């Protein structure tokens, strides 16, 4: 069976849709916290299994011997280490054939706070003896394009990244397609893929493209890291999480999300989605 965890999230949904287009639906299963939210998968013939990252007991029946699992990392920053360990323990007990984990670009070399839980998970997975593949995802286009309407309303793109900093982002669908490729392909056991877009872009280039598409000036509004954290807190981000998110821009300033290894386009067999395409798609909804 080809199994996707966290399948009702945006990434997981794309992965399941990709699998449905490539393998017989009776060979696909999803592991979800709330099976009711996965009803549409069940209607397609996908097997729906209950499994909550925060409830290790619920994961006891989430996997089967020989499963090839796309392990989508949890979204609860600060809680992910015990959650991820519970998933790995359950996968090991079941005897899965492969556990492909969505990690972070740079792996052990990523020194920003958001990467820490991924690094601990990677080491735990490697040490567990479970056959694994590491999908080290870079930044998503959607981090910027899904908030484009708000950014336009607020008068520009807010960032504390240094001028000239570049981001090799890719579309969420690109990363999901890579997960499907690893799950359904051969020879990926023990692989560590550095996944990112084919081209790195600067915030100035992003703003210029948005300006061109919407027909009015869309500036880059740079603030200090301290001011950035304060703004994030003012819009409701918890004080513990604001520095983590602002820390991403510091990582961008230091080039940690600018790498273009080509692993992603090689896995999916096509160029990654250009940032201009993502901007154009998002701008349709403005």
C-alpha atoms as a PDB file:
ATOM      1  CA  UNK A   1       0.000   0.000   0.000  1.00  0.00           C
ATOM      2  CA  UNK A   2       1.004   3.597  -0.666  1.00  0.00           C
ATOM      3  CA  UNK A   3       0.197   5.584   2.466  1.00  0.00           C
ATOM      4  CA  UNK A   4       0.009   9.329   3.067  1.00  0.00           C
ATOM      5  CA  UNK A   5      -0.140  10.699   6.608  1.00  0.00           C
ATOM      6  CA  UNK A   6      -1.732  14.056   7.390  1.00  0.00           C
ATOM      7  CA  UNK A   7      -3.677  13.560   4.194  1.00  0.00           C
ATOM      8  CA  UNK A   8      -6.372  16.182   4.792  1.00  0.00           C
ATOM      9  CA  UNK A   9      -3.860  19.029   4.879  1.00  0.00           C
ATOM     10  CA  UNK A  10      -2.968  20.992   1.741  1.00  0.00           C
ATOM     11  CA  UNK A  11       0.252  19.075   1.059  1.00  0.00           C
ATOM     12  CA  UNK A  12      -1.217  15.674   1.884  1.00  0.00           C
ATOM     13  CA  UNK A  13      -4.265  16.270  -0.297  1.00  0.00           C
ATOM     14  CA  UNK A  14      -2.057  17.050  -3.295  1.00  0.00           C
ATOM     15  CA  UNK A  15      -0.016  13.914  -2.641  1.00  0.00           C
ATOM     16  CA  UNK A  16      -3.110  11.709  -2.497  1.00  0.00           C
ATOM     17  CA  UNK A  17      -4.432  13.243  -5.709  1.00  0.00           C
ATOM     18  CA  UNK A  18      -1.092  12.511  -7.337  1.00  0.00           C
ATOM     19  CA  UNK A  19      -1.180   8.896  -6.218  1.00  0.00           C
ATOM     20  CA  UNK A  20      -4.733   8.429  -7.469  1.00  0.00           C
ATOM     21  CA  UNK A  21      -3.505   9.440 -10.917  1.00  0.00           C
ATOM     22  CA  UNK A  22      -0.617   6.966 -10.858  1.00  0.00           C
ATOM     23  CA  UNK A  23      -1.532   3.772  -8.997  1.00  0.00           C
ATOM     24  CA  UNK A  24      -4.702   1.700  -8.482  1.00  0.00           C
ATOM     25  CA  UNK A  25      -6.849   3.393  -5.875  1.00  0.00           C
ATOM     26  CA  UNK A  26      -7.201   0.167  -3.894  1.00  0.00           C
ATOM     27  CA  UNK A  27      -3.457   0.385  -3.199  1.00  0.00           C
ATOM     28  CA  UNK A  28      -3.739   3.792  -1.514  1.00  0.00           C
ATOM     29  CA  UNK A  29      -4.378   4.514   2.159  1.00  0.00           C
ATOM     30  CA  UNK A  30      -4.440   7.698   4.197  1.00  0.00           C
ATOM     31  CA  UNK A  31      -3.729   8.214   7.881  1.00  0.00           C
ATOM     32  CA  UNK A  32      -5.739  11.085   9.351  1.00  0.00           C
ATOM     33  CA  UNK A  33      -6.656  12.449  12.745  1.00  0.00           C
ATOM     34  CA  UNK A  34     -10.336  12.820  11.821  1.00  0.00           C
ATOM     35  CA  UNK A  35     -11.596  10.180   9.350  1.00  0.00           C
ATOM     36  CA  UNK A  36     -14.751  12.229   8.719  1.00  0.00           C
ATOM     37  CA  UNK A  37     -12.609  14.894   7.039  1.00  0.00           C
ATOM     38  CA  UNK A  38     -11.220  12.236   4.675  1.00  0.00           C
ATOM     39  CA  UNK A  39     -14.642  11.066   3.517  1.00  0.00           C
ATOM     40  CA  UNK A  40     -14.044  12.192  -0.056  1.00  0.00           C
ATOM     41  CA  UNK A  41     -10.990   9.962  -0.248  1.00  0.00           C
ATOM     42  CA  UNK A  42     -13.036   7.060   1.025  1.00  0.00           C
ATOM     43  CA  UNK A  43     -15.620   7.701  -1.683  1.00  0.00           C
ATOM     44  CA  UNK A  44     -12.852   7.293  -4.268  1.00  0.00           C
ATOM     45  CA  UNK A  45     -11.955   3.888  -2.814  1.00  0.00           C
ATOM     46  CA  UNK A  46      -8.949   5.019  -0.763  1.00  0.00           C
ATOM     47  CA  UNK A  47      -8.558   3.202   2.551  1.00  0.00           C
ATOM     48  CA  UNK A  48      -8.975   5.632   5.446  1.00  0.00           C
ATOM     49  CA  UNK A  49      -7.067   4.851   8.640  1.00  0.00           C
ATOM     50  CA  UNK A  50      -7.229   6.798  11.892  1.00  0.00           C
ATOM     51  CA  UNK A  51      -3.993   8.029  13.372  1.00  0.00           C
ATOM     52  CA  UNK A  52      -3.246  11.086  15.501  1.00  0.00           C
ATOM     53  CA  UNK A  53       0.388  12.179  15.838  1.00  0.00           C
ATOM     54  CA  UNK A  54      -0.368  13.326  19.377  1.00  0.00           C
ATOM     55  CA  UNK A  55      -1.931  10.001  20.387  1.00  0.00           C
ATOM     56  CA  UNK A  56       0.610   7.161  20.038  1.00  0.00           C
ATOM     57  CA  UNK A  57      -2.007   4.528  20.837  1.00  0.00           C
ATOM     58  CA  UNK A  58      -4.067   5.630  17.831  1.00  0.00           C
ATOM     59  CA  UNK A  59      -1.082   4.957  15.556  1.00  0.00           C
ATOM     60  CA  UNK A  60      -0.883   1.273  16.480  1.00  0.00           C
ATOM     61  CA  UNK A  61      -3.104   0.317  13.526  1.00  0.00           C
ATOM     62  CA  UNK A  62      -2.098   3.145  11.187  1.00  0.00           C
ATOM     63  CA  UNK A  63       0.507   1.172   9.234  1.00  0.00           C
ATOM     64  CA  UNK A  64       0.918  -2.331   7.832  1.00  0.00           C
ATOM     65  CA  UNK A  65       3.919  -4.456   7.002  1.00  0.00           C
ATOM     66  CA  UNK A  66       5.309  -3.485   3.615  1.00  0.00           C
ATOM     67  CA  UNK A  67       3.599  -0.085   3.433  1.00  0.00           C
ATOM     68  CA  UNK A  68       5.415   2.702   1.591  1.00  0.00           C
ATOM     69  CA  UNK A  69       4.624   5.802   3.623  1.00  0.00           C
ATOM     70  CA  UNK A  70       4.821   9.501   2.821  1.00  0.00           C
ATOM     71  CA  UNK A  71       5.236  10.933   6.315  1.00  0.00           C
ATOM     72  CA  UNK A  72       4.076  14.538   6.153  1.00  0.00           C
ATOM     73  CA  UNK A  73       5.610  16.465   9.039  1.00  0.00           C
ATOM     74  CA  UNK A  74       3.312  17.899  11.690  1.00  0.00           C
ATOM     75  CA  UNK A  75       2.286  21.551  11.721  1.00  0.00           C
ATOM     76  CA  UNK A  76       2.344  22.168  15.466  1.00  0.00           C
ATOM     77  CA  UNK A  77       5.705  23.854  15.992  1.00  0.00           C
ATOM     78  CA  UNK A  78       7.025  22.985  19.438  1.00  0.00           C
ATOM     79  CA  UNK A  79       5.113  19.695  19.569  1.00  0.00           C
ATOM     80  CA  UNK A  80       6.590  17.935  16.588  1.00  0.00           C
ATOM     81  CA  UNK A  81       9.436  15.991  18.192  1.00  0.00           C
ATOM     82  CA  UNK A  82       7.238  13.693  20.323  1.00  0.00           C
ATOM     83  CA  UNK A  83       4.636  13.545  17.547  1.00  0.00           C
ATOM     84  CA  UNK A  84       7.155  12.509  14.928  1.00  0.00           C
ATOM     85  CA  UNK A  85       8.818   9.976  17.208  1.00  0.00           C
ATOM     86  CA  UNK A  86       5.408   8.364  17.780  1.00  0.00           C
ATOM     87  CA  UNK A  87       4.879   8.005  14.023  1.00  0.00           C
ATOM     88  CA  UNK A  88       8.345   6.538  13.484  1.00  0.00           C
ATOM     89  CA  UNK A  89       7.890   4.096  16.362  1.00  0.00           C
ATOM     90  CA  UNK A  90       4.550   2.937  14.934  1.00  0.00           C
ATOM     91  CA  UNK A  91       6.012   2.564  11.439  1.00  0.00           C
ATOM     92  CA  UNK A  92       8.907   0.531  12.801  1.00  0.00           C
ATOM     93  CA  UNK A  93       6.599  -1.747  14.801  1.00  0.00           C
ATOM     94  CA  UNK A  94       4.498  -2.357  11.703  1.00  0.00           C
ATOM     95  CA  UNK A  95       7.482  -3.130   9.480  1.00  0.00           C
ATOM     96  CA  UNK A  96       6.926  -0.536   6.763  1.00  0.00           C
ATOM     97  CA  UNK A  97       9.022  -0.851   3.603  1.00  0.00           C
ATOM     98  CA  UNK A  98       9.786   2.885   3.332  1.00  0.00           C
ATOM     99  CA  UNK A  99       9.147   6.012   5.369  1.00  0.00           C
ATOM    100  CA  UNK A 100       9.682   9.151   3.278  1.00  0.00           C
ATOM    101  CA  UNK A 101       9.768  12.153   5.617  1.00  0.00           C
ATOM    102  CA  UNK A 102       9.138  15.771   4.591  1.00  0.00           C
ATOM    103  CA  UNK A 103      11.995  17.621   6.263  1.00  0.00           C
ATOM    104  CA  UNK A 104      13.677  20.993   5.698  1.00  0.00           C
ATOM    105  CA  UNK A 105      16.168  22.219   3.107  1.00  0.00           C
ATOM    106  CA  UNK A 106      19.705  21.872   4.413  1.00  0.00           C
ATOM    107  CA  UNK A 107      18.958  19.164   6.955  1.00  0.00           C
ATOM    108  CA  UNK A 108      21.720  19.181   9.598  1.00  0.00           C
ATOM    109  CA  UNK A 109      23.219  22.371   8.110  1.00  0.00           C
ATOM    110  CA  UNK A 110      20.046  24.415   8.606  1.00  0.00           C
ATOM    111  CA  UNK A 111      20.774  26.458  11.724  1.00  0.00           C
ATOM    112  CA  UNK A 112      17.485  28.354  12.052  1.00  0.00           C
ATOM    113  CA  UNK A 113      14.982  27.492  14.765  1.00  0.00           C
ATOM    114  CA  UNK A 114      12.248  26.149  12.482  1.00  0.00           C
ATOM    115  CA  UNK A 115      14.662  23.424  11.354  1.00  0.00           C
ATOM    116  CA  UNK A 116      15.471  22.107  14.824  1.00  0.00           C
ATOM    117  CA  UNK A 117      12.531  19.711  15.162  1.00  0.00           C
ATOM    118  CA  UNK A 118      13.172  18.390  11.659  1.00  0.00           C
ATOM    119  CA  UNK A 119      16.809  17.701  12.509  1.00  0.00           C
ATOM    120  CA  UNK A 120      15.874  15.771  15.636  1.00  0.00           C
ATOM    121  CA  UNK A 121      13.311  13.807  13.627  1.00  0.00           C
ATOM    122  CA  UNK A 122      15.829  13.004  10.888  1.00  0.00           C
ATOM    123  CA  UNK A 123      18.339  11.626  13.388  1.00  0.00           C
ATOM    124  CA  UNK A 124      15.660   9.590  15.183  1.00  0.00           C
ATOM    125  CA  UNK A 125      14.443   8.157  11.879  1.00  0.00           C
ATOM    126  CA  UNK A 126      17.935   7.251  10.694  1.00  0.00           C
ATOM    127  CA  UNK A 127      18.781   5.637  14.028  1.00  0.00           C
ATOM    128  CA  UNK A 128      15.466   3.718  14.117  1.00  0.00           C
ATOM    129  CA  UNK A 129      16.500   1.328  11.382  1.00  0.00           C
ATOM    130  CA  UNK A 130      13.323   2.001   9.404  1.00  0.00           C
ATOM    131  CA  UNK A 131      14.022   2.197   5.648  1.00  0.00           C
ATOM    132  CA  UNK A 132      13.818   5.928   4.963  1.00  0.00           C
ATOM    133  CA  UNK A 133      14.090   8.737   2.450  1.00  0.00           C
ATOM    134  CA  UNK A 134      14.506  12.375   3.454  1.00  0.00           C
ATOM    135  CA  UNK A 135      12.608  14.938   1.405  1.00  0.00           C
ATOM    136  CA  UNK A 136      14.199  18.201   2.504  1.00  0.00           C
ATOM    137  CA  UNK A 137      11.675  20.713   1.253  1.00  0.00           C
ATOM    138  CA  UNK A 138      12.652  24.303   0.672  1.00  0.00           C
ATOM    139  CA  UNK A 139      10.356  27.293   0.990  1.00  0.00           C
ATOM    140  CA  UNK A 140       6.951  27.240  -0.704  1.00  0.00           C
ATOM    141  CA  UNK A 141       5.742  29.852  -3.214  1.00  0.00           C
ATOM    142  CA  UNK A 142       2.500  29.822  -1.249  1.00  0.00           C
ATOM    143  CA  UNK A 143       4.165  31.385   1.796  1.00  0.00           C
ATOM    144  CA  UNK A 144       4.038  34.600  -0.216  1.00  0.00           C
ATOM    145  CA  UNK A 145       1.337  34.079  -2.824  1.00  0.00           C
ATOM    146  CA  UNK A 146      -1.422  32.834  -0.519  1.00  0.00           C
ATOM    147  CA  UNK A 147      -1.059  36.078   1.449  1.00  0.00           C
ATOM    148  CA  UNK A 148      -0.764  38.257  -1.643  1.00  0.00           C
ATOM    149  CA  UNK A 149      -4.141  39.903  -1.173  1.00  0.00           C
ATOM    150  CA  UNK A 150      -3.263  40.882   2.384  1.00  0.00           C
ATOM    151  CA  UNK A 151       0.167  42.097   1.281  1.00  0.00           C
ATOM    152  CA  UNK A 152      -1.364  44.283  -1.416  1.00  0.00           C
ATOM    153  CA  UNK A 153      -3.878  45.659   1.091  1.00  0.00           C
ATOM    154  CA  UNK A 154      -1.071  46.393   3.537  1.00  0.00           C
ATOM    155  CA  UNK A 155       0.913  48.296   0.928  1.00  0.00           C
ATOM    156  CA  UNK A 156       3.689  45.881   0.014  1.00  0.00           C
ATOM    157  CA  UNK A 157       5.742  42.840   0.921  1.00  0.00           C
ATOM    158  CA  UNK A 158       6.927  42.830   4.523  1.00  0.00           C
ATOM    159  CA  UNK A 159      10.315  41.267   5.187  1.00  0.00           C
ATOM    160  CA  UNK A 160      13.326  41.565   7.448  1.00  0.00           C
ATOM    161  CA  UNK A 161      15.554  39.731   4.959  1.00  0.00           C
ATOM    162  CA  UNK A 162      18.517  41.694   3.647  1.00  0.00           C
ATOM    163  CA  UNK A 163      18.343  43.467   0.297  1.00  0.00           C
ATOM    164  CA  UNK A 164      19.354  41.150  -2.515  1.00  0.00           C
ATOM    165  CA  UNK A 165      18.519  37.991  -0.575  1.00  0.00           C
ATOM    166  CA  UNK A 166      17.246  35.173  -2.743  1.00  0.00           C
ATOM    167  CA  UNK A 167      14.757  32.331  -2.236  1.00  0.00           C
ATOM    168  CA  UNK A 168      14.649  29.169  -4.353  1.00  0.00           C
ATOM    169  CA  UNK A 169      11.031  28.397  -3.594  1.00  0.00           C
ATOM    170  CA  UNK A 170       8.768  25.996  -5.452  1.00  0.00           C
ATOM    171  CA  UNK A 171       5.053  25.280  -5.528  1.00  0.00           C
ATOM    172  CA  UNK A 172       3.501  23.055  -2.899  1.00  0.00           C
ATOM    173  CA  UNK A 173       2.335  20.836  -5.747  1.00  0.00           C
ATOM    174  CA  UNK A 174       5.944  20.401  -6.898  1.00  0.00           C
ATOM    175  CA  UNK A 175       7.023  19.124  -3.486  1.00  0.00           C
ATOM    176  CA  UNK A 176       3.983  16.846  -3.256  1.00  0.00           C
ATOM    177  CA  UNK A 177       4.807  15.412  -6.686  1.00  0.00           C
ATOM    178  CA  UNK A 178       8.319  14.636  -5.437  1.00  0.00           C
ATOM    179  CA  UNK A 179       6.848  12.723  -2.511  1.00  0.00           C
ATOM    180  CA  UNK A 180       4.697  10.697  -4.889  1.00  0.00           C
ATOM    181  CA  UNK A 181       7.703  10.010  -7.125  1.00  0.00           C
ATOM    182  CA  UNK A 182       9.729   8.652  -4.204  1.00  0.00           C
ATOM    183  CA  UNK A 183       6.826   6.590  -2.905  1.00  0.00           C
ATOM    184  CA  UNK A 184       6.087   4.962  -6.250  1.00  0.00           C
ATOM    185  CA  UNK A 185       9.663   4.746  -7.554  1.00  0.00           C
ATOM    186  CA  UNK A 186      12.613   2.502  -6.828  1.00  0.00           C
ATOM    187  CA  UNK A 187      16.064   3.082  -5.404  1.00  0.00           C
ATOM    188  CA  UNK A 188      15.184   5.845  -2.948  1.00  0.00           C
ATOM    189  CA  UNK A 189      15.969   4.048   0.310  1.00  0.00           C
ATOM    190  CA  UNK A 190      18.557   6.014   2.282  1.00  0.00           C
ATOM    191  CA  UNK A 191      18.365   8.985  -0.105  1.00  0.00           C
ATOM    192  CA  UNK A 192      18.541  12.553   1.164  1.00  0.00           C
ATOM    193  CA  UNK A 193      17.056  14.982  -1.343  1.00  0.00           C
ATOM    194  CA  UNK A 194      17.607  18.749  -1.162  1.00  0.00           C
ATOM    195  CA  UNK A 195      14.412  20.011  -2.772  1.00  0.00           C
ATOM    196  CA  UNK A 196      14.012  23.562  -4.069  1.00  0.00           C
ATOM    197  CA  UNK A 197      12.976  25.551  -7.108  1.00  0.00           C
ATOM    198  CA  UNK A 198      15.087  25.659 -10.232  1.00  0.00           C
ATOM    199  CA  UNK A 199      15.649  29.414  -9.902  1.00  0.00           C
ATOM    200  CA  UNK A 200      16.204  31.601  -6.859  1.00  0.00           C
ATOM    201  CA  UNK A 201      14.442  34.976  -6.892  1.00  0.00           C
ATOM    202  CA  UNK A 202      14.912  38.143  -4.866  1.00  0.00           C
ATOM    203  CA  UNK A 203      12.208  40.049  -3.013  1.00  0.00           C
ATOM    204  CA  UNK A 204      12.805  42.946  -5.397  1.00  0.00           C
ATOM    205  CA  UNK A 205      12.083  40.653  -8.352  1.00  0.00           C
ATOM    206  CA  UNK A 206       8.987  39.301  -6.616  1.00  0.00           C
ATOM    207  CA  UNK A 207       7.676  42.814  -5.953  1.00  0.00           C
ATOM    208  CA  UNK A 208       8.391  43.924  -9.529  1.00  0.00           C
ATOM    209  CA  UNK A 209       6.438  40.970 -10.913  1.00  0.00           C
ATOM    210  CA  UNK A 210       3.485  41.641  -8.598  1.00  0.00           C
ATOM    211  CA  UNK A 211       3.566  45.326  -9.636  1.00  0.00           C
ATOM    212  CA  UNK A 212       3.492  44.290 -13.292  1.00  0.00           C
ATOM    213  CA  UNK A 213       0.586  41.877 -12.813  1.00  0.00           C
ATOM    214  CA  UNK A 214      -1.645  44.108 -10.674  1.00  0.00           C
ATOM    215  CA  UNK A 215      -0.795  47.285 -12.540  1.00  0.00           C
ATOM    216  CA  UNK A 216       0.302  49.363  -9.578  1.00  0.00           C
ATOM    217  CA  UNK A 217       3.309  49.801  -7.358  1.00  0.00           C
ATOM    218  CA  UNK A 218       3.951  46.971  -4.933  1.00  0.00           C
ATOM    219  CA  UNK A 219       7.037  47.805  -2.862  1.00  0.00           C
ATOM    220  CA  UNK A 220       9.271  45.764  -0.596  1.00  0.00           C
ATOM    221  CA  UNK A 221       8.840  47.054   2.950  1.00  0.00           C
ATOM    222  CA  UNK A 222      11.952  46.155   4.919  1.00  0.00           C
ATOM    223  CA  UNK A 223      11.966  46.248   8.688  1.00  0.00           C
ATOM    224  CA  UNK A 224      14.442  45.180  11.349  1.00  0.00           C
ATOM    225  CA  UNK A 225      14.187  41.650  12.752  1.00  0.00           C
ATOM    226  CA  UNK A 226      12.990  43.140  16.049  1.00  0.00           C
ATOM    227  CA  UNK A 227      10.255  45.137  14.330  1.00  0.00           C
ATOM    228  CA  UNK A 228       9.313  42.074  12.281  1.00  0.00           C
ATOM    229  CA  UNK A 229       8.768  40.020  15.422  1.00  0.00           C
ATOM    230  CA  UNK A 230       6.676  42.795  16.920  1.00  0.00           C
ATOM    231  CA  UNK A 231       4.489  43.037  13.828  1.00  0.00           C
ATOM    232  CA  UNK A 232       3.960  39.272  13.777  1.00  0.00           C
ATOM    233  CA  UNK A 233       2.905  39.334  17.421  1.00  0.00           C
ATOM    234  CA  UNK A 234       0.572  42.283  16.762  1.00  0.00           C
ATOM    235  CA  UNK A 235      -1.374  40.243  14.209  1.00  0.00           C
ATOM    236  CA  UNK A 236      -1.888  37.368  16.626  1.00  0.00           C
ATOM    237  CA  UNK A 237       1.169  35.152  16.323  1.00  0.00           C
ATOM    238  CA  UNK A 238       2.179  33.727  19.736  1.00  0.00           C
ATOM    239  CA  UNK A 239       5.291  35.380  21.252  1.00  0.00           C
ATOM    240  CA  UNK A 240       7.066  32.022  21.143  1.00  0.00           C
ATOM    241  CA  UNK A 241       6.343  31.540  17.442  1.00  0.00           C
ATOM    242  CA  UNK A 242       7.003  35.057  16.140  1.00  0.00           C
ATOM    243  CA  UNK A 243      10.809  34.778  16.543  1.00  0.00           C
ATOM    244  CA  UNK A 244      10.737  31.414  14.775  1.00  0.00           C
ATOM    245  CA  UNK A 245       8.972  32.874  11.736  1.00  0.00           C
ATOM    246  CA  UNK A 246      11.089  36.021  11.712  1.00  0.00           C
ATOM    247  CA  UNK A 247      14.121  33.749  11.936  1.00  0.00           C
ATOM    248  CA  UNK A 248      13.302  32.420   8.483  1.00  0.00           C
ATOM    249  CA  UNK A 249      14.070  35.839   7.003  1.00  0.00           C
ATOM    250  CA  UNK A 250      17.406  35.809   8.799  1.00  0.00           C
ATOM    251  CA  UNK A 251      18.112  32.410   7.228  1.00  0.00           C
ATOM    252  CA  UNK A 252      17.141  33.839   3.843  1.00  0.00           C
ATOM    253  CA  UNK A 253      19.548  36.725   4.396  1.00  0.00           C
ATOM    254  CA  UNK A 254      22.311  34.184   4.908  1.00  0.00           C
ATOM    255  CA  UNK A 255      21.445  32.268   1.744  1.00  0.00           C
ATOM    256  CA  UNK A 256      20.141  29.145   3.465  1.00  0.00           C
ATOM    257  CA  UNK A 257      17.017  28.922   1.312  1.00  0.00           C
ATOM    258  CA  UNK A 258      18.628  29.882  -1.990  1.00  0.00           C
ATOM    259  CA  UNK A 259      20.167  26.552  -2.977  1.00  0.00           C
ATOM    260  CA  UNK A 260      19.220  25.111  -6.380  1.00  0.00           C
ATOM    261  CA  UNK A 261      20.401  21.502  -6.361  1.00  0.00           C
ATOM    262  CA  UNK A 262      18.060  20.390  -9.139  1.00  0.00           C
ATOM    263  CA  UNK A 263      16.886  17.413  -7.060  1.00  0.00           C
ATOM    264  CA  UNK A 264      13.256  18.516  -7.189  1.00  0.00           C
ATOM    265  CA  UNK A 265      12.978  18.893 -10.956  1.00  0.00           C
ATOM    266  CA  UNK A 266      14.843  15.623 -11.461  1.00  0.00           C
ATOM    267  CA  UNK A 267      12.441  13.746  -9.196  1.00  0.00           C
ATOM    268  CA  UNK A 268       9.287  15.144 -10.777  1.00  0.00           C
ATOM    269  CA  UNK A 269      10.605  14.934 -14.325  1.00  0.00           C
ATOM    270  CA  UNK A 270       9.841  18.539 -15.262  1.00  0.00           C
ATOM    271  CA  UNK A 271      10.921  22.082 -14.390  1.00  0.00           C
ATOM    272  CA  UNK A 272       9.608  23.437 -11.098  1.00  0.00           C
ATOM    273  CA  UNK A 273       6.778  25.973 -11.192  1.00  0.00           C
ATOM    274  CA  UNK A 274       8.146  29.507 -11.783  1.00  0.00           C
ATOM    275  CA  UNK A 275       7.340  32.084  -9.119  1.00  0.00           C
ATOM    276  CA  UNK A 276       5.797  34.288 -11.836  1.00  0.00           C
ATOM    277  CA  UNK A 277       3.236  31.568 -12.574  1.00  0.00           C
ATOM    278  CA  UNK A 278       2.312  31.349  -8.896  1.00  0.00           C
ATOM    279  CA  UNK A 279       1.946  35.131  -8.676  1.00  0.00           C
ATOM    280  CA  UNK A 280      -0.270  35.199 -11.776  1.00  0.00           C
ATOM    281  CA  UNK A 281      -2.501  32.461 -10.382  1.00  0.00           C
ATOM    282  CA  UNK A 282      -2.848  34.181  -7.003  1.00  0.00           C
ATOM    283  CA  UNK A 283      -3.496  37.581  -8.579  1.00  0.00           C
ATOM    284  CA  UNK A 284      -6.619  36.201 -10.272  1.00  0.00           C
ATOM    285  CA  UNK A 285      -8.282  36.216  -6.859  1.00  0.00           C
ATOM    286  CA  UNK A 286      -7.392  39.793  -5.941  1.00  0.00           C
END
